């Protein structure tokens, strides 16, 4: 089942984000603490929302948890199209892949988006992750890099500090 209960994901996110970062070859970029996740997800104005995928207790993962995946998302805004949802992370433990869990997670994010009046559901995929690109395209996603030429940029903390000084 899928639940939007952050209580499940916070203690497990450290492990799962490590696994996801390792898969994406970006392990050195994991910097967040469990405390920050609690504050940012449970605070008065949550910065993110999270769906968790659970299996029955008899199918629990090697850690004894029934949570085997998650989808972490937040709302954004487009001056052209209005409300949007952005799926920051989607993760399913390797042992549980190929069972439709990822499909259920993105379907639920789409439902949340529609229920909240969003016109778009956005996400980013690493350029080498062809299986993920194929997965999203098969479900109707458009590759904006090819279709519209968009490129994503990021200002890291140090770059922001330098920018503010100028």
C-alpha atoms as a PDB file:
ATOM      1  CA  UNK A   1       0.000   0.000   0.000  1.00  0.00           C
ATOM      2  CA  UNK A   2       1.036   3.631  -0.412  1.00  0.00           C
ATOM      3  CA  UNK A   3       0.889   6.077   2.463  1.00  0.00           C
ATOM      4  CA  UNK A   4       1.805   9.744   2.693  1.00  0.00           C
ATOM      5  CA  UNK A   5       3.179   9.214   6.196  1.00  0.00           C
ATOM      6  CA  UNK A   6       6.545  10.847   6.741  1.00  0.00           C
ATOM      7  CA  UNK A   7       6.968   9.014  10.011  1.00  0.00           C
ATOM      8  CA  UNK A   8       7.994   5.916   8.070  1.00  0.00           C
ATOM      9  CA  UNK A   9      10.450   7.520   5.718  1.00  0.00           C
ATOM     10  CA  UNK A  10      12.481   9.749   8.016  1.00  0.00           C
ATOM     11  CA  UNK A  11      14.414   7.022   9.857  1.00  0.00           C
ATOM     12  CA  UNK A  12      14.746   4.964   6.687  1.00  0.00           C
ATOM     13  CA  UNK A  13      15.600   7.824   4.340  1.00  0.00           C
ATOM     14  CA  UNK A  14      19.232   7.870   5.423  1.00  0.00           C
ATOM     15  CA  UNK A  15      19.688   4.281   4.296  1.00  0.00           C
ATOM     16  CA  UNK A  16      17.552   4.629   1.166  1.00  0.00           C
ATOM     17  CA  UNK A  17      19.078   7.940   0.109  1.00  0.00           C
ATOM     18  CA  UNK A  18      22.515   6.354   0.505  1.00  0.00           C
ATOM     19  CA  UNK A  19      21.397   3.446  -1.707  1.00  0.00           C
ATOM     20  CA  UNK A  20      19.866   5.829  -4.261  1.00  0.00           C
ATOM     21  CA  UNK A  21      22.944   8.079  -4.275  1.00  0.00           C
ATOM     22  CA  UNK A  22      25.187   5.048  -4.684  1.00  0.00           C
ATOM     23  CA  UNK A  23      23.070   3.855  -7.636  1.00  0.00           C
ATOM     24  CA  UNK A  24      23.219   7.333  -9.189  1.00  0.00           C
ATOM     25  CA  UNK A  25      26.996   7.495  -8.605  1.00  0.00           C
ATOM     26  CA  UNK A  26      26.501  10.640  -6.472  1.00  0.00           C
ATOM     27  CA  UNK A  27      27.178   9.271  -2.976  1.00  0.00           C
ATOM     28  CA  UNK A  28      29.491  12.187  -2.150  1.00  0.00           C
ATOM     29  CA  UNK A  29      26.543  14.593  -2.457  1.00  0.00           C
ATOM     30  CA  UNK A  30      24.499  13.149   0.439  1.00  0.00           C
ATOM     31  CA  UNK A  31      24.760  15.762   3.208  1.00  0.00           C
ATOM     32  CA  UNK A  32      21.336  15.868   4.912  1.00  0.00           C
ATOM     33  CA  UNK A  33      20.769  14.763   8.491  1.00  0.00           C
ATOM     34  CA  UNK A  34      17.839  12.855   9.923  1.00  0.00           C
ATOM     35  CA  UNK A  35      17.054  15.933  12.039  1.00  0.00           C
ATOM     36  CA  UNK A  36      16.781  18.128   8.960  1.00  0.00           C
ATOM     37  CA  UNK A  37      14.436  15.620   7.350  1.00  0.00           C
ATOM     38  CA  UNK A  38      12.200  15.674  10.421  1.00  0.00           C
ATOM     39  CA  UNK A  39      12.151  19.466  10.556  1.00  0.00           C
ATOM     40  CA  UNK A  40      11.645  19.899   6.816  1.00  0.00           C
ATOM     41  CA  UNK A  41       8.953  17.225   6.541  1.00  0.00           C
ATOM     42  CA  UNK A  42       7.097  17.716   9.817  1.00  0.00           C
ATOM     43  CA  UNK A  43       7.497  21.454  10.369  1.00  0.00           C
ATOM     44  CA  UNK A  44       4.732  24.026  10.287  1.00  0.00           C
ATOM     45  CA  UNK A  45       5.321  24.612   6.568  1.00  0.00           C
ATOM     46  CA  UNK A  46       6.669  21.333   5.167  1.00  0.00           C
ATOM     47  CA  UNK A  47       9.216  21.700   2.388  1.00  0.00           C
ATOM     48  CA  UNK A  48       8.392  18.260   1.006  1.00  0.00           C
ATOM     49  CA  UNK A  49       5.864  15.458   1.071  1.00  0.00           C
ATOM     50  CA  UNK A  50       6.582  11.773   0.843  1.00  0.00           C
ATOM     51  CA  UNK A  51       4.728   8.666  -0.191  1.00  0.00           C
ATOM     52  CA  UNK A  52       5.964   5.325   1.057  1.00  0.00           C
ATOM     53  CA  UNK A  53       5.434   1.932  -0.540  1.00  0.00           C
ATOM     54  CA  UNK A  54       4.808  -0.855   1.911  1.00  0.00           C
ATOM     55  CA  UNK A  55       4.532  -4.611   1.529  1.00  0.00           C
ATOM     56  CA  UNK A  56       2.787  -7.064   3.872  1.00  0.00           C
ATOM     57  CA  UNK A  57       4.822  -7.955   6.966  1.00  0.00           C
ATOM     58  CA  UNK A  58       5.622 -11.423   5.639  1.00  0.00           C
ATOM     59  CA  UNK A  59       7.432  -9.768   2.708  1.00  0.00           C
ATOM     60  CA  UNK A  60       9.380  -7.265   4.851  1.00  0.00           C
ATOM     61  CA  UNK A  61      12.809  -6.138   3.696  1.00  0.00           C
ATOM     62  CA  UNK A  62      16.091  -7.419   5.190  1.00  0.00           C
ATOM     63  CA  UNK A  63      15.919  -4.699   7.879  1.00  0.00           C
ATOM     64  CA  UNK A  64      12.541  -5.994   9.016  1.00  0.00           C
ATOM     65  CA  UNK A  65      10.695  -2.973   7.648  1.00  0.00           C
ATOM     66  CA  UNK A  66       7.650  -3.164   5.428  1.00  0.00           C
ATOM     67  CA  UNK A  67       8.660   0.088   3.693  1.00  0.00           C
ATOM     68  CA  UNK A  68      10.394  -0.864   0.441  1.00  0.00           C
ATOM     69  CA  UNK A  69      10.252   2.384  -1.521  1.00  0.00           C
ATOM     70  CA  UNK A  70       9.284   6.016  -1.512  1.00  0.00           C
ATOM     71  CA  UNK A  71       8.502   9.036  -3.654  1.00  0.00           C
ATOM     72  CA  UNK A  72       9.577  12.416  -2.268  1.00  0.00           C
ATOM     73  CA  UNK A  73       7.891  15.393  -3.927  1.00  0.00           C
ATOM     74  CA  UNK A  74       7.141  19.071  -3.440  1.00  0.00           C
ATOM     75  CA  UNK A  75       5.080  21.746  -5.122  1.00  0.00           C
ATOM     76  CA  UNK A  76       6.522  24.357  -7.473  1.00  0.00           C
ATOM     77  CA  UNK A  77       5.040  27.121  -9.566  1.00  0.00           C
ATOM     78  CA  UNK A  78       5.302  28.045 -13.226  1.00  0.00           C
ATOM     79  CA  UNK A  79       4.510  31.553 -14.420  1.00  0.00           C
ATOM     80  CA  UNK A  80       3.240  29.950 -17.643  1.00  0.00           C
ATOM     81  CA  UNK A  81       1.217  27.020 -16.329  1.00  0.00           C
ATOM     82  CA  UNK A  82       0.618  27.649 -12.613  1.00  0.00           C
ATOM     83  CA  UNK A  83       0.875  24.906 -10.012  1.00  0.00           C
ATOM     84  CA  UNK A  84       3.298  22.032 -10.605  1.00  0.00           C
ATOM     85  CA  UNK A  85       4.561  19.080  -8.613  1.00  0.00           C
ATOM     86  CA  UNK A  86       8.225  18.036  -8.713  1.00  0.00           C
ATOM     87  CA  UNK A  87       9.235  14.454  -7.928  1.00  0.00           C
ATOM     88  CA  UNK A  88      12.663  14.810  -6.337  1.00  0.00           C
ATOM     89  CA  UNK A  89      13.232  11.130  -5.587  1.00  0.00           C
ATOM     90  CA  UNK A  90      11.613   7.854  -6.432  1.00  0.00           C
ATOM     91  CA  UNK A  91      13.212   4.767  -4.995  1.00  0.00           C
ATOM     92  CA  UNK A  92      12.314   1.101  -4.778  1.00  0.00           C
ATOM     93  CA  UNK A  93      14.668  -1.375  -3.132  1.00  0.00           C
ATOM     94  CA  UNK A  94      16.260  -3.608  -5.812  1.00  0.00           C
ATOM     95  CA  UNK A  95      14.650  -6.805  -4.463  1.00  0.00           C
ATOM     96  CA  UNK A  96      11.169  -5.273  -4.954  1.00  0.00           C
ATOM     97  CA  UNK A  97      11.626  -3.785  -8.442  1.00  0.00           C
ATOM     98  CA  UNK A  98       9.662  -5.096 -11.394  1.00  0.00           C
ATOM     99  CA  UNK A  99       6.523  -5.571  -9.287  1.00  0.00           C
ATOM    100  CA  UNK A 100       4.757  -2.341 -10.247  1.00  0.00           C
ATOM    101  CA  UNK A 101       5.713  -0.422  -7.095  1.00  0.00           C
ATOM    102  CA  UNK A 102       7.438   2.409  -9.001  1.00  0.00           C
ATOM    103  CA  UNK A 103       4.429   2.702 -11.305  1.00  0.00           C
ATOM    104  CA  UNK A 104       2.106   2.951  -8.312  1.00  0.00           C
ATOM    105  CA  UNK A 105       4.288   5.646  -6.743  1.00  0.00           C
ATOM    106  CA  UNK A 106       4.314   7.871  -9.831  1.00  0.00           C
ATOM    107  CA  UNK A 107       0.605   7.261 -10.379  1.00  0.00           C
ATOM    108  CA  UNK A 108      -0.073   8.425  -6.810  1.00  0.00           C
ATOM    109  CA  UNK A 109       2.081  11.553  -7.297  1.00  0.00           C
ATOM    110  CA  UNK A 110       0.064  12.291 -10.452  1.00  0.00           C
ATOM    111  CA  UNK A 111      -3.167  11.871  -8.448  1.00  0.00           C
ATOM    112  CA  UNK A 112      -1.866  14.254  -5.768  1.00  0.00           C
ATOM    113  CA  UNK A 113      -0.914  16.747  -8.476  1.00  0.00           C
ATOM    114  CA  UNK A 114      -4.350  16.639 -10.077  1.00  0.00           C
ATOM    115  CA  UNK A 115      -6.114  16.864  -6.700  1.00  0.00           C
ATOM    116  CA  UNK A 116      -4.088  20.028  -5.994  1.00  0.00           C
ATOM    117  CA  UNK A 117      -4.798  21.669  -9.343  1.00  0.00           C
ATOM    118  CA  UNK A 118      -1.322  21.122 -10.787  1.00  0.00           C
ATOM    119  CA  UNK A 119      -0.875  21.385 -14.540  1.00  0.00           C
ATOM    120  CA  UNK A 120       2.465  19.562 -14.662  1.00  0.00           C
ATOM    121  CA  UNK A 121       4.377  16.781 -12.930  1.00  0.00           C
ATOM    122  CA  UNK A 122       8.113  17.258 -13.381  1.00  0.00           C
ATOM    123  CA  UNK A 123      11.222  15.239 -12.575  1.00  0.00           C
ATOM    124  CA  UNK A 124      14.832  14.932 -13.681  1.00  0.00           C
ATOM    125  CA  UNK A 125      16.715  11.833 -14.804  1.00  0.00           C
ATOM    126  CA  UNK A 126      20.459  11.366 -15.101  1.00  0.00           C
ATOM    127  CA  UNK A 127      21.505  11.185 -18.756  1.00  0.00           C
ATOM    128  CA  UNK A 128      22.960   7.676 -18.418  1.00  0.00           C
ATOM    129  CA  UNK A 129      19.841   6.169 -16.797  1.00  0.00           C
ATOM    130  CA  UNK A 130      18.142   4.969 -19.963  1.00  0.00           C
ATOM    131  CA  UNK A 131      15.909   2.477 -18.137  1.00  0.00           C
ATOM    132  CA  UNK A 132      14.427   5.306 -16.041  1.00  0.00           C
ATOM    133  CA  UNK A 133      13.928   7.463 -19.140  1.00  0.00           C
ATOM    134  CA  UNK A 134      12.195   4.581 -20.900  1.00  0.00           C
ATOM    135  CA  UNK A 135      10.059   3.964 -17.785  1.00  0.00           C
ATOM    136  CA  UNK A 136       8.821   7.581 -17.683  1.00  0.00           C
ATOM    137  CA  UNK A 137       8.354   7.889 -21.456  1.00  0.00           C
ATOM    138  CA  UNK A 138       6.294   4.674 -21.502  1.00  0.00           C
ATOM    139  CA  UNK A 139       3.974   6.352 -19.014  1.00  0.00           C
ATOM    140  CA  UNK A 140       3.569   9.538 -21.052  1.00  0.00           C
ATOM    141  CA  UNK A 141       6.391  11.802 -19.832  1.00  0.00           C
ATOM    142  CA  UNK A 142       8.011  14.145 -22.342  1.00  0.00           C
ATOM    143  CA  UNK A 143      11.809  14.549 -22.449  1.00  0.00           C
ATOM    144  CA  UNK A 144      12.130  18.349 -22.300  1.00  0.00           C
ATOM    145  CA  UNK A 145      15.848  18.224 -23.101  1.00  0.00           C
ATOM    146  CA  UNK A 146      15.059  16.864 -26.544  1.00  0.00           C
ATOM    147  CA  UNK A 147      11.672  18.492 -27.072  1.00  0.00           C
ATOM    148  CA  UNK A 148      12.391  22.020 -25.831  1.00  0.00           C
ATOM    149  CA  UNK A 149      16.111  22.187 -25.154  1.00  0.00           C
ATOM    150  CA  UNK A 150      15.818  22.889 -21.420  1.00  0.00           C
ATOM    151  CA  UNK A 151      18.912  22.371 -19.292  1.00  0.00           C
ATOM    152  CA  UNK A 152      18.855  22.317 -15.500  1.00  0.00           C
ATOM    153  CA  UNK A 153      21.245  24.513 -13.507  1.00  0.00           C
ATOM    154  CA  UNK A 154      22.010  24.660  -9.798  1.00  0.00           C
ATOM    155  CA  UNK A 155      23.599  27.183  -7.453  1.00  0.00           C
ATOM    156  CA  UNK A 156      25.282  25.349  -4.553  1.00  0.00           C
ATOM    157  CA  UNK A 157      25.657  26.989  -1.134  1.00  0.00           C
ATOM    158  CA  UNK A 158      29.076  28.467  -1.900  1.00  0.00           C
ATOM    159  CA  UNK A 159      27.901  29.772  -5.274  1.00  0.00           C
ATOM    160  CA  UNK A 160      24.909  31.418  -3.566  1.00  0.00           C
ATOM    161  CA  UNK A 161      27.206  33.045  -1.009  1.00  0.00           C
ATOM    162  CA  UNK A 162      29.382  34.423  -3.792  1.00  0.00           C
ATOM    163  CA  UNK A 163      26.348  35.591  -5.723  1.00  0.00           C
ATOM    164  CA  UNK A 164      25.006  37.484  -2.702  1.00  0.00           C
ATOM    165  CA  UNK A 165      28.363  39.224  -2.220  1.00  0.00           C
ATOM    166  CA  UNK A 166      28.390  40.622  -5.763  1.00  0.00           C
END
